[in-house]
Amino acid sequence: MKVILTGATGFIGGEVLNQALAHPKINSLICLTRKPLPDAVTSNPKVKVINLAEFSSYAPEVLSELEGAESCIW
């Protein structure tokens, strides 16, 4: 399952990130973030990090990365 996650750099979002990485049914995790994530997260093959300055609009290349997601945790 492909999942979109925002807030992964926060306290609660960080735990959601850990749980999502450990979940066997999640094979792709797209993290939308303003801040960088630790190397231990970004080196995980499940993870694709998209750094955004603004969450109110998305460039076409970002939308194409999000395509096919079955879940979004905002």
PDB file of N, CA and C in Angstrom:
ATOM      1  N   MET A   1       0.842  -1.167   0.000  1.00  0.00           N
ATOM      2  CA  MET A   1       0.000   0.000   0.000  1.00  0.00           C
ATOM      3  C   MET A   1       0.894   1.238   0.000  1.00  0.00           C
ATOM      4  N   LYS A   2       0.533   2.204  -0.803  1.00  0.00           N
ATOM      5  CA  LYS A   2       1.236   3.481  -0.878  1.00  0.00           C
ATOM      6  C   LYS A   2       0.510   4.481   0.026  1.00  0.00           C
ATOM      7  N   VAL A   3       1.274   5.122   0.934  1.00  0.00           N
ATOM      8  CA  VAL A   3       0.712   6.053   1.924  1.00  0.00           C
ATOM      9  C   VAL A   3       1.433   7.389   1.834  1.00  0.00           C
ATOM     10  N   ILE A   4       0.667   8.466   1.937  1.00  0.00           N
ATOM     11  CA  ILE A   4       1.218   9.818   2.021  1.00  0.00           C
ATOM     12  C   ILE A   4       1.179  10.225   3.489  1.00  0.00           C
ATOM     13  N   LEU A   5       2.281  10.782   3.988  1.00  0.00           N
ATOM     14  CA  LEU A   5       2.361  11.214   5.381  1.00  0.00           C
ATOM     15  C   LEU A   5       2.891  12.634   5.449  1.00  0.00           C
ATOM     16  N   THR A   6       2.190  13.482   6.187  1.00  0.00           N
ATOM     17  CA  THR A   6       2.703  14.817   6.492  1.00  0.00           C
ATOM     18  C   THR A   6       2.962  14.880   7.992  1.00  0.00           C
ATOM     19  N   GLY A   7       3.790  15.802   8.409  1.00  0.00           N
ATOM     20  CA  GLY A   7       4.047  15.973   9.832  1.00  0.00           C
ATOM     21  C   GLY A   7       5.041  14.990  10.411  1.00  0.00           C
ATOM     22  N   ALA A   8       5.812  14.321   9.574  1.00  0.00           N
ATOM     23  CA  ALA A   8       6.727  13.277  10.036  1.00  0.00           C
ATOM     24  C   ALA A   8       7.859  13.817  10.913  1.00  0.00           C
ATOM     25  N   THR A   9       8.094  15.122  10.897  1.00  0.00           N
ATOM     26  CA  THR A   9       9.169  15.693  11.716  1.00  0.00           C
ATOM     27  C   THR A   9       8.678  16.100  13.098  1.00  0.00           C
ATOM     28  N   GLY A  10       7.375  16.024  13.331  1.00  0.00           N
ATOM     29  CA  GLY A  10       6.824  16.377  14.633  1.00  0.00           C
ATOM     30  C   GLY A  10       6.811  15.202  15.594  1.00  0.00           C
ATOM     31  N   PHE A  11       6.409  15.456  16.827  1.00  0.00           N
ATOM     32  CA  PHE A  11       6.396  14.440  17.872  1.00  0.00           C
ATOM     33  C   PHE A  11       5.477  13.277  17.519  1.00  0.00           C
ATOM     34  N   ILE A  12       4.230  13.573  17.250  1.00  0.00           N
ATOM     35  CA  ILE A  12       3.262  12.516  16.924  1.00  0.00           C
ATOM     36  C   ILE A  12       3.529  11.962  15.531  1.00  0.00           C
ATOM     37  N   GLY A  13       3.790  12.836  14.581  1.00  0.00           N
ATOM     38  CA  GLY A  13       4.076  12.394  13.221  1.00  0.00           C
ATOM     39  C   GLY A  13       5.296  11.491  13.144  1.00  0.00           C
ATOM     40  N   GLY A  14       6.280  11.732  13.997  1.00  0.00           N
ATOM     41  CA  GLY A  14       7.464  10.887  14.031  1.00  0.00           C
ATOM     42  C   GLY A  14       7.123   9.464  14.446  1.00  0.00           C
ATOM     43  N   GLU A  15       6.208   9.331  15.395  1.00  0.00           N
ATOM     44  CA  GLU A  15       5.781   7.994  15.810  1.00  0.00           C
ATOM     45  C   GLU A  15       4.926   7.338  14.731  1.00  0.00           C
ATOM     46  N   VAL A  16       4.077   8.119  14.075  1.00  0.00           N
ATOM     47  CA  VAL A  16       3.301   7.575  12.951  1.00  0.00           C
ATOM     48  C   VAL A  16       4.262   7.089  11.869  1.00  0.00           C
ATOM     49  N   LEU A  17       5.298   7.842  11.612  1.00  0.00           N
ATOM     50  CA  LEU A  17       6.319   7.444  10.638  1.00  0.00           C
ATOM     51  C   LEU A  17       6.946   6.103  11.031  1.00  0.00           C
ATOM     52  N   ASN A  18       7.353   5.966  12.286  1.00  0.00           N
ATOM     53  CA  ASN A  18       7.957   4.711  12.754  1.00  0.00           C
ATOM     54  C   ASN A  18       6.999   3.539  12.588  1.00  0.00           C
ATOM     55  N   GLN A  19       5.738   3.740  12.929  1.00  0.00           N
ATOM     56  CA  GLN A  19       4.739   2.674  12.809  1.00  0.00           C
ATOM     57  C   GLN A  19       4.511   2.303  11.343  1.00  0.00           C
ATOM     58  N   ALA A  20       4.476   3.310  10.482  1.00  0.00           N
ATOM     59  CA  ALA A  20       4.269   3.060   9.053  1.00  0.00           C
ATOM     60  C   ALA A  20       5.450   2.291   8.461  1.00  0.00           C
ATOM     61  N   LEU A  21       6.649   2.629   8.877  1.00  0.00           N
ATOM     62  CA  LEU A  21       7.831   1.921   8.379  1.00  0.00           C
ATOM     63  C   LEU A  21       7.842   0.464   8.829  1.00  0.00           C
ATOM     64  N   ALA A  22       7.319   0.210  10.006  1.00  0.00           N
ATOM     65  CA  ALA A  22       7.302  -1.152  10.540  1.00  0.00           C
ATOM     66  C   ALA A  22       6.141  -1.988  10.004  1.00  0.00           C
ATOM     67  N   HIS A  23       5.129  -1.336   9.450  1.00  0.00           N
ATOM     68  CA  HIS A  23       3.939  -2.061   9.000  1.00  0.00           C
ATOM     69  C   HIS A  23       4.240  -2.817   7.701  1.00  0.00           C
ATOM     70  N   PRO A  24       4.013  -4.137   7.703  1.00  0.00           N
ATOM     71  CA  PRO A  24       4.369  -4.931   6.525  1.00  0.00           C
ATOM     72  C   PRO A  24       3.519  -4.659   5.281  1.00  0.00           C
ATOM     73  N   LYS A  25       2.318  -4.127   5.444  1.00  0.00           N
ATOM     74  CA  LYS A  25       1.465  -3.868   4.270  1.00  0.00           C
ATOM     75  C   LYS A  25       1.783  -2.542   3.589  1.00  0.00           C
ATOM     76  N   ILE A  26       2.530  -1.682   4.245  1.00  0.00           N
ATOM     77  CA  ILE A  26       2.926  -0.408   3.638  1.00  0.00           C
ATOM     78  C   ILE A  26       4.257  -0.629   2.929  1.00  0.00           C
ATOM     79  N   ASN A  27       4.241  -0.523   1.600  1.00  0.00           N
ATOM     80  CA  ASN A  27       5.467  -0.739   0.825  1.00  0.00           C
ATOM     81  C   ASN A  27       6.025   0.549   0.224  1.00  0.00           C
ATOM     82  N   SER A  28       5.261   1.648   0.346  1.00  0.00           N
ATOM     83  CA  SER A  28       5.703   2.940  -0.171  1.00  0.00           C
ATOM     84  C   SER A  28       5.155   4.036   0.726  1.00  0.00           C
ATOM     85  N   LEU A  29       6.049   4.883   1.216  1.00  0.00           N
ATOM     86  CA  LEU A  29       5.662   5.961   2.116  1.00  0.00           C
ATOM     87  C   LEU A  29       6.201   7.274   1.552  1.00  0.00           C
ATOM     88  N   ILE A  30       5.288   8.142   1.153  1.00  0.00           N
ATOM     89  CA  ILE A  30       5.664   9.452   0.625  1.00  0.00           C
ATOM     90  C   ILE A  30       5.530  10.454   1.773  1.00  0.00           C
ATOM     91  N   CYS A  31       6.646  11.032   2.198  1.00  0.00           N
ATOM     92  CA  CYS A  31       6.647  11.993   3.305  1.00  0.00           C
ATOM     93  C   CYS A  31       6.732  13.405   2.743  1.00  0.00           C
ATOM     94  N   LEU A  32       5.683  14.172   2.959  1.00  0.00           N
ATOM     95  CA  LEU A  32       5.681  15.589   2.595  1.00  0.00           C
ATOM     96  C   LEU A  32       6.148  16.357   3.820  1.00  0.00           C
ATOM     97  N   THR A  33       7.222  17.106   3.689  1.00  0.00           N
ATOM     98  CA  THR A  33       7.810  17.752   4.851  1.00  0.00           C
ATOM     99  C   THR A  33       8.431  19.099   4.487  1.00  0.00           C
ATOM    100  N   ARG A  34       8.544  19.945   5.477  1.00  0.00           N
ATOM    101  CA  ARG A  34       9.250  21.221   5.306  1.00  0.00           C
ATOM    102  C   ARG A  34      10.690  21.106   5.802  1.00  0.00           C
ATOM    103  N   LYS A  35      10.903  20.192   6.755  1.00  0.00           N
ATOM    104  CA  LYS A  35      12.223  20.007   7.360  1.00  0.00           C
ATOM    105  C   LYS A  35      12.808  18.669   6.902  1.00  0.00           C
ATOM    106  N   PRO A  36      14.115  18.566   6.906  1.00  0.00           N
ATOM    107  CA  PRO A  36      14.730  17.289   6.515  1.00  0.00           C
ATOM    108  C   PRO A  36      14.452  16.192   7.547  1.00  0.00           C
ATOM    109  N   LEU A  37      14.408  14.967   7.065  1.00  0.00           N
ATOM    110  CA  LEU A  37      14.256  13.804   7.932  1.00  0.00           C
ATOM    111  C   LEU A  37      15.622  13.178   8.164  1.00  0.00           C
ATOM    112  N   PRO A  38      15.767  12.415   9.255  1.00  0.00           N
ATOM    113  CA  PRO A  38      17.071  11.777   9.523  1.00  0.00           C
ATOM    114  C   PRO A  38      17.478  10.812   8.414  1.00  0.00           C
ATOM    115  N   ASP A  39      18.771  10.632   8.251  1.00  0.00           N
ATOM    116  CA  ASP A  39      19.301   9.725   7.224  1.00  0.00           C
ATOM    117  C   ASP A  39      18.783   8.304   7.400  1.00  0.00           C
ATOM    118  N   ALA A  40      18.567   7.884   8.641  1.00  0.00           N
ATOM    119  CA  ALA A  40      18.054   6.536   8.889  1.00  0.00           C
ATOM    120  C   ALA A  40      16.682   6.342   8.246  1.00  0.00           C
ATOM    121  N   VAL A  41      15.915   7.414   8.135  1.00  0.00           N
ATOM    122  CA  VAL A  41      14.593   7.349   7.495  1.00  0.00           C
ATOM    123  C   VAL A  41      14.739   7.459   5.984  1.00  0.00           C
ATOM    124  N   THR A  42      15.482   8.434   5.530  1.00  0.00           N
ATOM    125  CA  THR A  42      15.584   8.676   4.086  1.00  0.00           C
ATOM    126  C   THR A  42      16.303   7.555   3.351  1.00  0.00           C
ATOM    127  N   SER A  43      17.105   6.778   4.048  1.00  0.00           N
ATOM    128  CA  SER A  43      17.795   5.667   3.403  1.00  0.00           C
ATOM    129  C   SER A  43      16.921   4.412   3.308  1.00  0.00           C
ATOM    130  N   ASN A  44      15.765   4.435   3.951  1.00  0.00           N
ATOM    131  CA  ASN A  44      14.848   3.303   3.889  1.00  0.00           C
ATOM    132  C   ASN A  44      14.247   3.225   2.482  1.00  0.00           C
ATOM    133  N   PRO A  45      14.287   2.064   1.837  1.00  0.00           N
ATOM    134  CA  PRO A  45      13.765   1.965   0.467  1.00  0.00           C
ATOM    135  C   PRO A  45      12.260   2.202   0.342  1.00  0.00           C
ATOM    136  N   LYS A  46      11.528   2.145   1.454  1.00  0.00           N
ATOM    137  CA  LYS A  46      10.086   2.423   1.433  1.00  0.00           C
ATOM    138  C   LYS A  46       9.794   3.915   1.297  1.00  0.00           C
ATOM    139  N   VAL A  47      10.767   4.750   1.660  1.00  0.00           N
ATOM    140  CA  VAL A  47      10.521   6.181   1.859  1.00  0.00           C
ATOM    141  C   VAL A  47      10.931   7.020   0.658  1.00  0.00           C
ATOM    142  N   LYS A  48      10.040   7.928   0.304  1.00  0.00           N
ATOM    143  CA  LYS A  48      10.331   8.997  -0.664  1.00  0.00           C
ATOM    144  C   LYS A  48       9.992  10.299   0.050  1.00  0.00           C
ATOM    145  N   VAL A  49      10.959  11.182   0.194  1.00  0.00           N
ATOM    146  CA  VAL A  49      10.748  12.456   0.873  1.00  0.00           C
ATOM    147  C   VAL A  49      10.576  13.548  -0.169  1.00  0.00           C
ATOM    148  N   ILE A  50       9.527  14.345   0.010  1.00  0.00           N
ATOM    149  CA  ILE A  50       9.290  15.501  -0.854  1.00  0.00           C
ATOM    150  C   ILE A  50       9.276  16.724   0.051  1.00  0.00           C
ATOM    151  N   ASN A  51      10.282  17.578  -0.116  1.00  0.00           N
ATOM    152  CA  ASN A  51      10.364  18.801   0.680  1.00  0.00           C
ATOM    153  C   ASN A  51       9.547  19.898   0.002  1.00  0.00           C
ATOM    154  N   LEU A  52       8.636  20.467   0.770  1.00  0.00           N
ATOM    155  CA  LEU A  52       7.774  21.531   0.265  1.00  0.00           C
ATOM    156  C   LEU A  52       7.868  22.747   1.174  1.00  0.00           C
ATOM    157  N   ALA A  53       7.918  23.909   0.604  1.00  0.00           N
ATOM    158  CA  ALA A  53       7.869  25.138   1.387  1.00  0.00           C
ATOM    159  C   ALA A  53       6.425  25.515   1.687  1.00  0.00           C
ATOM    160  N   GLU A  54       5.525  25.083   0.827  1.00  0.00           N
ATOM    161  CA  GLU A  54       4.114  25.477   0.892  1.00  0.00           C
ATOM    162  C   GLU A  54       3.236  24.257   0.647  1.00  0.00           C
ATOM    163  N   PHE A  55       2.217  24.086   1.484  1.00  0.00           N
ATOM    164  CA  PHE A  55       1.318  22.945   1.340  1.00  0.00           C
ATOM    165  C   PHE A  55      -0.011  23.320   0.683  1.00  0.00           C
ATOM    166  N   SER A  56      -0.125  24.528   0.184  1.00  0.00           N
ATOM    167  CA  SER A  56      -1.399  24.943  -0.413  1.00  0.00           C
ATOM    168  C   SER A  56      -1.467  24.692  -1.923  1.00  0.00           C
ATOM    169  N   SER A  57      -0.316  24.412  -2.542  1.00  0.00           N
ATOM    170  CA  SER A  57      -0.319  24.083  -3.964  1.00  0.00           C
ATOM    171  C   SER A  57       0.813  23.096  -4.241  1.00  0.00           C
ATOM    172  N   TYR A  58       0.603  22.268  -5.265  1.00  0.00           N
ATOM    173  CA  TYR A  58       1.549  21.207  -5.578  1.00  0.00           C
ATOM    174  C   TYR A  58       1.914  21.263  -7.057  1.00  0.00           C
ATOM    175  N   ALA A  59       3.188  21.215  -7.330  1.00  0.00           N
ATOM    176  CA  ALA A  59       3.677  21.209  -8.711  1.00  0.00           C
ATOM    177  C   ALA A  59       3.289  19.882  -9.374  1.00  0.00           C
ATOM    178  N   PRO A  60       3.173  19.869 -10.691  1.00  0.00           N
ATOM    179  CA  PRO A  60       2.796  18.639 -11.392  1.00  0.00           C
ATOM    180  C   PRO A  60       3.698  17.441 -11.070  1.00  0.00           C
ATOM    181  N   GLU A  61       4.992  17.678 -10.895  1.00  0.00           N
ATOM    182  CA  GLU A  61       5.889  16.565 -10.581  1.00  0.00           C
ATOM    183  C   GLU A  61       5.629  15.986  -9.184  1.00  0.00           C
ATOM    184  N   VAL A  62       5.176  16.829  -8.261  1.00  0.00           N
ATOM    185  CA  VAL A  62       4.794  16.345  -6.926  1.00  0.00           C
ATOM    186  C   VAL A  62       3.507  15.540  -7.025  1.00  0.00           C
ATOM    187  N   LEU A  63       2.536  16.053  -7.756  1.00  0.00           N
ATOM    188  CA  LEU A  63       1.273  15.333  -7.924  1.00  0.00           C
ATOM    189  C   LEU A  63       1.490  13.963  -8.557  1.00  0.00           C
ATOM    190  N   SER A  64       2.426  13.872  -9.482  1.00  0.00           N
ATOM    191  CA  SER A  64       2.681  12.571 -10.103  1.00  0.00           C
ATOM    192  C   SER A  64       3.280  11.591  -9.099  1.00  0.00           C
ATOM    193  N   GLU A  65       4.075  12.070  -8.156  1.00  0.00           N
ATOM    194  CA  GLU A  65       4.627  11.210  -7.101  1.00  0.00           C
ATOM    195  C   GLU A  65       3.526  10.710  -6.162  1.00  0.00           C
ATOM    196  N   LEU A  66       2.500  11.535  -5.952  1.00  0.00           N
ATOM    197  CA  LEU A  66       1.414  11.177  -5.038  1.00  0.00           C
ATOM    198  C   LEU A  66       0.385  10.266  -5.675  1.00  0.00           C
ATOM    199  N   GLU A  67       0.396  10.194  -6.980  1.00  0.00           N
ATOM    200  CA  GLU A  67      -0.581   9.398  -7.703  1.00  0.00           C
ATOM    201  C   GLU A  67      -0.555   7.933  -7.264  1.00  0.00           C
ATOM    202  N   GLY A  68      -1.725   7.373  -7.082  1.00  0.00           N
ATOM    203  CA  GLY A  68      -1.842   5.976  -6.713  1.00  0.00           C
ATOM    204  C   GLY A  68      -1.817   5.695  -5.229  1.00  0.00           C
ATOM    205  N   ALA A  69      -1.689   6.724  -4.412  1.00  0.00           N
ATOM    206  CA  ALA A  69      -1.702   6.518  -2.957  1.00  0.00           C
ATOM    207  C   ALA A  69      -3.064   6.045  -2.509  1.00  0.00           C
ATOM    208  N   GLU A  70      -3.076   5.108  -1.602  1.00  0.00           N
ATOM    209  CA  GLU A  70      -4.321   4.557  -1.084  1.00  0.00           C
ATOM    210  C   GLU A  70      -4.727   5.170   0.242  1.00  0.00           C
ATOM    211  N   SER A  71      -3.818   5.945   0.831  1.00  0.00           N
ATOM    212  CA  SER A  71      -4.106   6.526   2.141  1.00  0.00           C
ATOM    213  C   SER A  71      -3.277   7.803   2.303  1.00  0.00           C
ATOM    214  N   CYS A  72      -3.823   8.721   3.100  1.00  0.00           N
ATOM    215  CA  CYS A  72      -3.112   9.955   3.425  1.00  0.00           C
ATOM    216  C   CYS A  72      -3.301  10.233   4.908  1.00  0.00           C
ATOM    217  N   ILE A  73      -2.207  10.383   5.615  1.00  0.00           N
ATOM    218  CA  ILE A  73      -2.253  10.746   7.035  1.00  0.00           C
ATOM    219  C   ILE A  73      -1.739  12.163   7.119  1.00  0.00           C
ATOM    220  N   TRP A  74      -2.634  13.089   7.434  1.00  0.00           N
ATOM    221  CA  TRP A  74      -2.326  14.516   7.394  1.00  0.00           C
ATOM    222  C   TRP A  74      -2.277  15.054   8.789  1.00  0.00           C
TER     223      TRP A  74
END
